[in-house]
Amino acid sequence: MGTSRPTFGPRFARYVHCGFAIFARFGQAFGMTQPLALFLYEKLLPGGQLVNRLQDLGYRVHSISDPRKLVDSAEQHKPLLVIADLEPHHQRVCDAIAQLKSNQATAHIPVIALTNTDPTSTVHAAARSAGATLIVGDTAILAHLSLFLDQALQVE
């Protein structure tokens, strides 16, 4: 019989992230570092909106548009997580995620992959096999960002 982990509902997660955002803003005033999200995207929508939402939650955001720069940027900037838009070149992005996960210095970084394809599509399968922690739809990520961040950052 294994040990059970306590589970917390969406309301708790919202309060945690609100508290985190307040703590992050307080930390800014005293010179503390905000967590960094590395964001790989080419499309302006929802990319720009997502950057704003992350910043509202207290994250710094470093954006890149070239999947070939993902591993180097992750090694250099040491983000807390990576958000990667799989569109429009999903295979190049999945290759970059696989390289990120095979690199000893960056393998621990959780990756949220964004796509609007059907969950049974080859895009989802490619992202899963590359090592994406979560695969989320573009519209869902905006509506439930704090929940997805909480889920991606859980330590197992």
N, C-alpha and C. Protein backbone atom coordinates (compact mmCIF):
# COMPACT_ATOMS: atom_id res chain seq x y z
N MET A 1 0.84 -1.18 0.00
CA MET A 1 0.00 0.00 0.00
C MET A 1 0.89 1.24 0.00
N GLY A 2 0.78 2.06 -1.05
CA GLY A 2 1.65 3.22 -1.17
C GLY A 2 1.15 4.38 -0.33
N THR A 3 1.98 5.36 -0.21
CA THR A 3 1.59 6.55 0.53
C THR A 3 0.75 7.42 -0.38
N SER A 4 -0.21 8.08 0.20
CA SER A 4 -1.06 8.94 -0.62
C SER A 4 -0.61 10.38 -0.47
N ARG A 5 -0.69 11.08 -1.58
CA ARG A 5 -0.34 12.49 -1.58
C ARG A 5 -1.61 13.30 -1.41
N PRO A 6 -1.56 14.37 -0.63
CA PRO A 6 -2.76 15.19 -0.53
C PRO A 6 -3.02 15.88 -1.86
N THR A 7 -4.27 15.99 -2.21
CA THR A 7 -4.62 16.67 -3.45
C THR A 7 -5.34 17.96 -3.09
N PHE A 8 -5.12 18.95 -3.87
CA PHE A 8 -5.73 20.24 -3.64
C PHE A 8 -6.50 20.62 -4.89
N GLY A 9 -7.62 21.22 -4.70
CA GLY A 9 -8.47 21.59 -5.82
C GLY A 9 -8.03 22.86 -6.51
N PRO A 10 -8.75 23.21 -7.57
CA PRO A 10 -8.42 24.41 -8.35
C PRO A 10 -8.45 25.69 -7.53
N ARG A 11 -9.35 25.75 -6.56
CA ARG A 11 -9.44 26.97 -5.74
C ARG A 11 -8.14 27.18 -4.97
N PHE A 12 -7.60 26.11 -4.39
CA PHE A 12 -6.35 26.20 -3.65
C PHE A 12 -5.22 26.63 -4.58
N ALA A 13 -5.16 26.04 -5.77
CA ALA A 13 -4.10 26.39 -6.72
C ALA A 13 -4.17 27.86 -7.10
N ARG A 14 -5.38 28.39 -7.27
CA ARG A 14 -5.54 29.80 -7.62
C ARG A 14 -4.98 30.67 -6.49
N TYR A 15 -5.28 30.30 -5.23
CA TYR A 15 -4.78 31.08 -4.10
C TYR A 15 -3.26 30.98 -3.99
N VAL A 16 -2.73 29.81 -4.25
CA VAL A 16 -1.29 29.64 -4.20
C VAL A 16 -0.62 30.54 -5.22
N HIS A 17 -1.15 30.55 -6.46
CA HIS A 17 -0.52 31.38 -7.49
C HIS A 17 -0.76 32.86 -7.24
N CYS A 18 -1.90 33.24 -6.67
CA CYS A 18 -2.10 34.64 -6.31
C CYS A 18 -1.09 35.03 -5.23
N GLY A 19 -0.93 34.15 -4.24
CA GLY A 19 0.06 34.41 -3.19
C GLY A 19 1.46 34.48 -3.76
N PHE A 20 1.75 33.58 -4.73
CA PHE A 20 3.06 33.60 -5.36
C PHE A 20 3.28 34.91 -6.10
N ALA A 21 2.25 35.41 -6.81
CA ALA A 21 2.38 36.66 -7.56
C ALA A 21 2.64 37.83 -6.61
N ILE A 22 1.94 37.84 -5.47
CA ILE A 22 2.16 38.90 -4.48
C ILE A 22 3.57 38.80 -3.93
N PHE A 23 4.00 37.56 -3.59
CA PHE A 23 5.36 37.36 -3.09
C PHE A 23 6.40 37.81 -4.12
N ALA A 24 6.15 37.49 -5.40
CA ALA A 24 7.10 37.86 -6.45
C ALA A 24 7.20 39.38 -6.57
N ARG A 25 6.07 40.07 -6.51
CA ARG A 25 6.10 41.54 -6.60
C ARG A 25 6.81 42.13 -5.37
N PHE A 26 6.55 41.57 -4.19
CA PHE A 26 7.23 41.99 -2.97
C PHE A 26 8.73 41.75 -3.10
N GLY A 27 9.08 40.58 -3.65
CA GLY A 27 10.48 40.23 -3.84
C GLY A 27 11.19 41.18 -4.78
N GLN A 28 10.47 41.65 -5.82
CA GLN A 28 11.06 42.61 -6.75
C GLN A 28 11.50 43.87 -6.02
N ALA A 29 10.66 44.32 -5.09
CA ALA A 29 10.94 45.56 -4.38
C ALA A 29 12.21 45.43 -3.53
N PHE A 30 12.55 44.21 -3.13
CA PHE A 30 13.71 44.00 -2.28
C PHE A 30 14.85 43.29 -3.00
N GLY A 31 14.82 43.29 -4.32
CA GLY A 31 15.93 42.77 -5.09
C GLY A 31 15.96 41.26 -5.23
N MET A 32 14.88 40.57 -4.89
CA MET A 32 14.84 39.12 -5.03
C MET A 32 14.57 38.77 -6.50
N THR A 33 14.97 37.59 -6.89
CA THR A 33 14.83 37.17 -8.27
C THR A 33 13.48 36.51 -8.51
N GLN A 34 12.86 36.88 -9.63
CA GLN A 34 11.62 36.23 -10.04
C GLN A 34 11.95 34.95 -10.79
N PRO A 35 11.07 33.95 -10.73
CA PRO A 35 11.31 32.74 -11.52
C PRO A 35 11.22 33.07 -13.01
N LEU A 36 11.95 32.31 -13.80
CA LEU A 36 12.02 32.56 -15.24
C LEU A 36 11.29 31.46 -16.01
N ALA A 37 10.47 31.88 -16.94
CA ALA A 37 9.84 30.96 -17.89
C ALA A 37 10.47 31.22 -19.25
N LEU A 38 10.96 30.17 -19.87
CA LEU A 38 11.51 30.26 -21.23
C LEU A 38 10.38 29.91 -22.17
N PHE A 39 10.06 30.79 -23.11
CA PHE A 39 8.89 30.63 -23.96
C PHE A 39 9.32 30.59 -25.43
N LEU A 40 9.10 29.46 -26.07
CA LEU A 40 9.41 29.26 -27.48
C LEU A 40 8.11 29.39 -28.28
N TYR A 41 8.01 30.45 -29.08
CA TYR A 41 6.81 30.62 -29.89
C TYR A 41 7.10 31.48 -31.11
N GLU A 42 6.26 31.29 -32.13
CA GLU A 42 6.34 32.11 -33.34
C GLU A 42 5.07 32.92 -33.56
N LYS A 43 3.93 32.37 -33.14
CA LYS A 43 2.65 33.04 -33.36
C LYS A 43 2.43 34.14 -32.31
N LEU A 44 2.00 35.30 -32.78
CA LEU A 44 1.76 36.42 -31.88
C LEU A 44 0.61 36.11 -30.91
N LEU A 45 -0.42 35.46 -31.42
CA LEU A 45 -1.53 35.04 -30.56
C LEU A 45 -1.50 33.54 -30.43
N PRO A 46 -1.50 32.97 -29.32
CA PRO A 46 -1.65 33.56 -27.99
C PRO A 46 -0.33 33.93 -27.33
N GLY A 47 0.78 33.92 -28.07
CA GLY A 47 2.09 34.18 -27.49
C GLY A 47 2.18 35.43 -26.65
N GLY A 48 1.78 36.56 -27.21
CA GLY A 48 1.85 37.83 -26.48
C GLY A 48 0.97 37.83 -25.25
N GLN A 49 -0.22 37.25 -25.39
CA GLN A 49 -1.14 37.18 -24.24
C GLN A 49 -0.55 36.32 -23.13
N LEU A 50 0.07 35.23 -23.52
CA LEU A 50 0.64 34.32 -22.53
C LEU A 50 1.82 34.97 -21.80
N VAL A 51 2.63 35.71 -22.52
CA VAL A 51 3.74 36.45 -21.88
C VAL A 51 3.17 37.39 -20.82
N ASN A 52 2.12 38.13 -21.16
CA ASN A 52 1.52 39.06 -20.20
C ASN A 52 0.96 38.34 -18.98
N ARG A 53 0.29 37.21 -19.19
CA ARG A 53 -0.28 36.44 -18.07
C ARG A 53 0.82 35.90 -17.17
N LEU A 54 1.91 35.40 -17.75
CA LEU A 54 3.03 34.91 -16.95
C LEU A 54 3.62 36.04 -16.11
N GLN A 55 3.78 37.20 -16.70
CA GLN A 55 4.31 38.35 -15.97
C GLN A 55 3.37 38.77 -14.85
N ASP A 56 2.06 38.70 -15.10
CA ASP A 56 1.09 39.01 -14.05
C ASP A 56 1.20 38.04 -12.88
N LEU A 57 1.61 36.80 -13.15
CA LEU A 57 1.79 35.80 -12.10
C LEU A 57 3.16 35.89 -11.42
N GLY A 58 3.97 36.86 -11.83
CA GLY A 58 5.25 37.08 -11.17
C GLY A 58 6.45 36.45 -11.84
N TYR A 59 6.30 35.96 -13.06
CA TYR A 59 7.41 35.35 -13.79
C TYR A 59 8.12 36.38 -14.65
N ARG A 60 9.42 36.20 -14.79
CA ARG A 60 10.15 36.85 -15.87
C ARG A 60 9.99 35.93 -17.06
N VAL A 61 9.97 36.47 -18.26
CA VAL A 61 9.79 35.65 -19.46
C VAL A 61 10.90 35.97 -20.44
N HIS A 62 11.58 34.93 -20.89
CA HIS A 62 12.56 35.07 -21.96
C HIS A 62 11.97 34.34 -23.16
N SER A 63 11.76 35.07 -24.25
CA SER A 63 11.13 34.50 -25.44
C SER A 63 12.16 34.22 -26.52
N ILE A 64 11.97 33.09 -27.20
CA ILE A 64 12.78 32.76 -28.36
C ILE A 64 11.83 32.25 -29.45
N SER A 65 12.26 32.37 -30.69
CA SER A 65 11.41 31.90 -31.80
C SER A 65 12.06 30.78 -32.60
N ASP A 66 13.32 30.51 -32.34
CA ASP A 66 14.04 29.47 -33.08
C ASP A 66 14.22 28.24 -32.19
N PRO A 67 13.59 27.12 -32.55
CA PRO A 67 13.72 25.91 -31.73
C PRO A 67 15.17 25.44 -31.55
N ARG A 68 16.04 25.76 -32.51
CA ARG A 68 17.44 25.35 -32.40
C ARG A 68 18.16 26.03 -31.24
N LYS A 69 17.61 27.13 -30.74
CA LYS A 69 18.23 27.87 -29.64
C LYS A 69 17.69 27.47 -28.27
N LEU A 70 16.78 26.51 -28.22
CA LEU A 70 16.12 26.15 -26.96
C LEU A 70 17.11 25.65 -25.91
N VAL A 71 17.92 24.68 -26.25
CA VAL A 71 18.84 24.10 -25.27
C VAL A 71 19.87 25.13 -24.81
N ASP A 72 20.46 25.87 -25.74
CA ASP A 72 21.45 26.88 -25.36
C ASP A 72 20.83 27.94 -24.45
N SER A 73 19.61 28.39 -24.78
CA SER A 73 18.93 29.39 -23.96
C SER A 73 18.62 28.83 -22.58
N ALA A 74 18.20 27.56 -22.51
CA ALA A 74 17.91 26.94 -21.21
C ALA A 74 19.17 26.81 -20.37
N GLU A 75 20.28 26.43 -21.00
CA GLU A 75 21.54 26.33 -20.25
C GLU A 75 22.00 27.70 -19.75
N GLN A 76 21.84 28.71 -20.59
CA GLN A 76 22.30 30.05 -20.23
C GLN A 76 21.42 30.71 -19.18
N HIS A 77 20.09 30.63 -19.35
CA HIS A 77 19.18 31.39 -18.50
C HIS A 77 18.64 30.60 -17.30
N LYS A 78 18.74 29.27 -17.33
CA LYS A 78 18.29 28.40 -16.24
C LYS A 78 16.84 28.67 -15.82
N PRO A 79 15.90 28.43 -16.73
CA PRO A 79 14.49 28.71 -16.41
C PRO A 79 13.90 27.68 -15.44
N LEU A 80 12.81 28.10 -14.80
CA LEU A 80 12.05 27.20 -13.94
C LEU A 80 11.23 26.23 -14.79
N LEU A 81 10.77 26.70 -15.94
CA LEU A 81 10.04 25.86 -16.87
C LEU A 81 10.14 26.40 -18.28
N VAL A 82 9.79 25.54 -19.24
CA VAL A 82 9.76 25.91 -20.65
C VAL A 82 8.33 25.75 -21.14
N ILE A 83 7.87 26.74 -21.90
CA ILE A 83 6.60 26.64 -22.60
C ILE A 83 6.94 26.70 -24.08
N ALA A 84 6.53 25.67 -24.82
CA ALA A 84 6.89 25.57 -26.24
C ALA A 84 5.65 25.43 -27.09
N ASP A 85 5.45 26.37 -28.00
CA ASP A 85 4.34 26.29 -28.95
C ASP A 85 4.76 25.35 -30.08
N LEU A 86 4.00 24.31 -30.27
CA LEU A 86 4.34 23.31 -31.29
C LEU A 86 4.00 23.76 -32.71
N GLU A 87 3.22 24.80 -32.84
CA GLU A 87 2.82 25.28 -34.16
C GLU A 87 3.79 26.38 -34.60
N PRO A 88 4.09 26.58 -35.81
CA PRO A 88 3.66 25.83 -36.99
C PRO A 88 4.60 24.69 -37.37
N HIS A 89 5.74 24.56 -36.70
CA HIS A 89 6.74 23.54 -37.08
C HIS A 89 6.90 22.53 -35.95
N HIS A 90 5.89 21.69 -35.76
CA HIS A 90 5.88 20.83 -34.59
C HIS A 90 7.07 19.87 -34.53
N GLN A 91 7.54 19.38 -35.66
CA GLN A 91 8.64 18.42 -35.62
C GLN A 91 9.93 19.07 -35.15
N ARG A 92 10.20 20.29 -35.60
CA ARG A 92 11.40 21.00 -35.14
C ARG A 92 11.34 21.29 -33.65
N VAL A 93 10.15 21.67 -33.18
CA VAL A 93 9.99 21.96 -31.75
C VAL A 93 10.11 20.68 -30.93
N CYS A 94 9.51 19.59 -31.39
CA CYS A 94 9.63 18.31 -30.68
C CYS A 94 11.09 17.83 -30.63
N ASP A 95 11.82 18.04 -31.71
CA ASP A 95 13.25 17.70 -31.72
C ASP A 95 14.00 18.52 -30.67
N ALA A 96 13.65 19.80 -30.55
CA ALA A 96 14.30 20.67 -29.58
C ALA A 96 13.95 20.23 -28.15
N ILE A 97 12.71 19.82 -27.92
CA ILE A 97 12.31 19.33 -26.59
C ILE A 97 13.09 18.06 -26.26
N ALA A 98 13.23 17.17 -27.23
CA ALA A 98 13.98 15.93 -27.01
C ALA A 98 15.44 16.23 -26.67
N GLN A 99 16.03 17.21 -27.35
CA GLN A 99 17.42 17.59 -27.04
C GLN A 99 17.52 18.19 -25.64
N LEU A 100 16.53 19.00 -25.27
CA LEU A 100 16.48 19.59 -23.94
C LEU A 100 16.44 18.49 -22.88
N LYS A 101 15.61 17.48 -23.10
CA LYS A 101 15.43 16.40 -22.13
C LYS A 101 16.62 15.42 -22.12
N SER A 102 17.38 15.35 -23.20
CA SER A 102 18.53 14.45 -23.23
C SER A 102 19.80 15.12 -22.71
N ASN A 103 19.77 16.42 -22.50
CA ASN A 103 20.91 17.17 -21.98
C ASN A 103 20.87 17.10 -20.44
N GLN A 104 21.94 16.63 -19.84
CA GLN A 104 21.98 16.45 -18.39
C GLN A 104 21.73 17.75 -17.64
N ALA A 105 22.16 18.87 -18.19
CA ALA A 105 22.02 20.16 -17.51
C ALA A 105 20.59 20.70 -17.58
N THR A 106 19.78 20.21 -18.51
CA THR A 106 18.43 20.77 -18.70
C THR A 106 17.31 19.73 -18.62
N ALA A 107 17.66 18.49 -18.41
CA ALA A 107 16.65 17.41 -18.42
C ALA A 107 15.58 17.57 -17.35
N HIS A 108 15.89 18.24 -16.26
CA HIS A 108 14.95 18.40 -15.15
C HIS A 108 13.88 19.45 -15.41
N ILE A 109 14.03 20.28 -16.42
CA ILE A 109 13.13 21.40 -16.65
C ILE A 109 11.80 20.90 -17.22
N PRO A 110 10.68 21.19 -16.56
CA PRO A 110 9.39 20.78 -17.10
C PRO A 110 9.05 21.57 -18.36
N VAL A 111 8.36 20.90 -19.30
CA VAL A 111 7.99 21.52 -20.57
C VAL A 111 6.48 21.43 -20.75
N ILE A 112 5.85 22.59 -20.96
CA ILE A 112 4.45 22.63 -21.34
C ILE A 112 4.42 22.89 -22.84
N ALA A 113 3.85 21.94 -23.58
CA ALA A 113 3.76 22.07 -25.04
C ALA A 113 2.36 22.56 -25.41
N LEU A 114 2.28 23.54 -26.30
CA LEU A 114 1.01 24.11 -26.73
C LEU A 114 0.67 23.66 -28.14
N THR A 115 -0.56 23.24 -28.33
CA THR A 115 -1.02 22.87 -29.67
C THR A 115 -2.54 22.90 -29.70
N ASN A 116 -3.10 23.08 -30.88
CA ASN A 116 -4.55 23.04 -31.05
C ASN A 116 -4.98 21.79 -31.79
N THR A 117 -4.10 20.82 -31.89
CA THR A 117 -4.45 19.59 -32.60
C THR A 117 -5.22 18.64 -31.69
N ASP A 118 -5.85 17.67 -32.30
CA ASP A 118 -6.61 16.65 -31.58
C ASP A 118 -5.67 15.83 -30.69
N PRO A 119 -6.10 15.50 -29.47
CA PRO A 119 -5.24 14.72 -28.56
C PRO A 119 -4.77 13.38 -29.11
N THR A 120 -5.47 12.84 -30.09
CA THR A 120 -5.04 11.56 -30.68
C THR A 120 -4.11 11.75 -31.87
N SER A 121 -3.76 13.00 -32.17
CA SER A 121 -2.95 13.28 -33.36
C SER A 121 -1.49 12.87 -33.16
N THR A 122 -0.78 12.84 -34.26
CA THR A 122 0.65 12.51 -34.21
C THR A 122 1.45 13.63 -33.54
N VAL A 123 0.91 14.85 -33.54
CA VAL A 123 1.59 15.96 -32.88
C VAL A 123 1.67 15.70 -31.37
N HIS A 124 0.57 15.28 -30.78
CA HIS A 124 0.55 14.95 -29.35
C HIS A 124 1.51 13.80 -29.06
N ALA A 125 1.47 12.78 -29.90
CA ALA A 125 2.35 11.62 -29.70
C ALA A 125 3.82 12.02 -29.79
N ALA A 126 4.15 12.89 -30.74
CA ALA A 126 5.54 13.34 -30.90
C ALA A 126 5.99 14.16 -29.70
N ALA A 127 5.11 15.01 -29.20
CA ALA A 127 5.46 15.83 -28.02
C ALA A 127 5.64 14.96 -26.78
N ARG A 128 4.78 13.97 -26.61
CA ARG A 128 4.92 13.05 -25.47
C ARG A 128 6.23 12.27 -25.55
N SER A 129 6.53 11.75 -26.74
CA SER A 129 7.76 10.97 -26.85
C SER A 129 9.01 11.85 -26.74
N ALA A 130 8.90 13.13 -27.07
CA ALA A 130 10.03 14.05 -26.93
C ALA A 130 10.30 14.38 -25.46
N GLY A 131 9.28 14.23 -24.62
CA GLY A 131 9.48 14.49 -23.20
C GLY A 131 8.68 15.64 -22.62
N ALA A 132 7.67 16.12 -23.35
CA ALA A 132 6.84 17.21 -22.82
C ALA A 132 6.13 16.75 -21.54
N THR A 133 6.13 17.59 -20.54
CA THR A 133 5.49 17.29 -19.27
C THR A 133 3.97 17.35 -19.41
N LEU A 134 3.48 18.39 -20.08
CA LEU A 134 2.06 18.58 -20.36
C LEU A 134 1.88 19.01 -21.79
N ILE A 135 0.74 18.64 -22.38
CA ILE A 135 0.38 19.10 -23.72
C ILE A 135 -0.98 19.75 -23.58
N VAL A 136 -1.06 21.03 -23.92
CA VAL A 136 -2.23 21.83 -23.63
C VAL A 136 -2.65 22.60 -24.88
N GLY A 137 -3.95 22.82 -25.04
CA GLY A 137 -4.47 23.63 -26.14
C GLY A 137 -4.20 25.10 -25.93
N ASP A 138 -4.04 25.84 -27.02
CA ASP A 138 -3.75 27.28 -26.94
C ASP A 138 -4.79 28.03 -26.13
N THR A 139 -6.07 27.74 -26.35
CA THR A 139 -7.12 28.47 -25.64
C THR A 139 -7.20 28.04 -24.18
N ALA A 140 -6.96 26.78 -23.90
CA ALA A 140 -7.02 26.28 -22.51
C ALA A 140 -5.90 26.87 -21.66
N ILE A 141 -4.74 27.07 -22.23
CA ILE A 141 -3.61 27.59 -21.44
C ILE A 141 -3.90 28.99 -20.92
N LEU A 142 -4.55 29.80 -21.72
CA LEU A 142 -4.88 31.16 -21.28
C LEU A 142 -5.92 31.15 -20.17
N ALA A 143 -6.91 30.29 -20.30
CA ALA A 143 -8.00 30.24 -19.32
C ALA A 143 -7.57 29.63 -17.99
N HIS A 144 -6.62 28.70 -18.02
CA HIS A 144 -6.25 27.95 -16.82
C HIS A 144 -4.74 27.93 -16.57
N LEU A 145 -4.07 29.00 -16.88
CA LEU A 145 -2.61 29.02 -16.80
C LEU A 145 -2.08 28.63 -15.43
N SER A 146 -2.61 29.20 -14.37
CA SER A 146 -2.05 28.92 -13.05
C SER A 146 -2.20 27.44 -12.68
N LEU A 147 -3.27 26.80 -13.11
CA LEU A 147 -3.45 25.37 -12.83
C LEU A 147 -2.42 24.54 -13.60
N PHE A 148 -2.19 24.89 -14.86
CA PHE A 148 -1.20 24.15 -15.65
C PHE A 148 0.21 24.35 -15.12
N LEU A 149 0.52 25.55 -14.67
CA LEU A 149 1.83 25.79 -14.08
C LEU A 149 2.01 24.95 -12.82
N ASP A 150 0.97 24.93 -12.00
CA ASP A 150 1.03 24.11 -10.79
C ASP A 150 1.23 22.64 -11.11
N GLN A 151 0.51 22.15 -12.11
CA GLN A 151 0.63 20.75 -12.51
C GLN A 151 2.02 20.43 -13.07
N ALA A 152 2.54 21.31 -13.91
CA ALA A 152 3.85 21.08 -14.53
C ALA A 152 4.98 21.13 -13.51
N LEU A 153 4.82 21.94 -12.47
CA LEU A 153 5.89 22.14 -11.50
C LEU A 153 5.82 21.19 -10.31
N GLN A 154 4.86 20.28 -10.30
CA GLN A 154 4.78 19.31 -9.21
C GLN A 154 6.00 18.41 -9.24
N VAL A 155 6.53 18.17 -8.07
CA VAL A 155 7.67 17.27 -7.92
C VAL A 155 7.14 15.88 -7.63
N GLU A 156 7.59 14.91 -8.39
CA GLU A 156 7.10 13.54 -8.18
C GLU A 156 8.05 12.74 -7.34
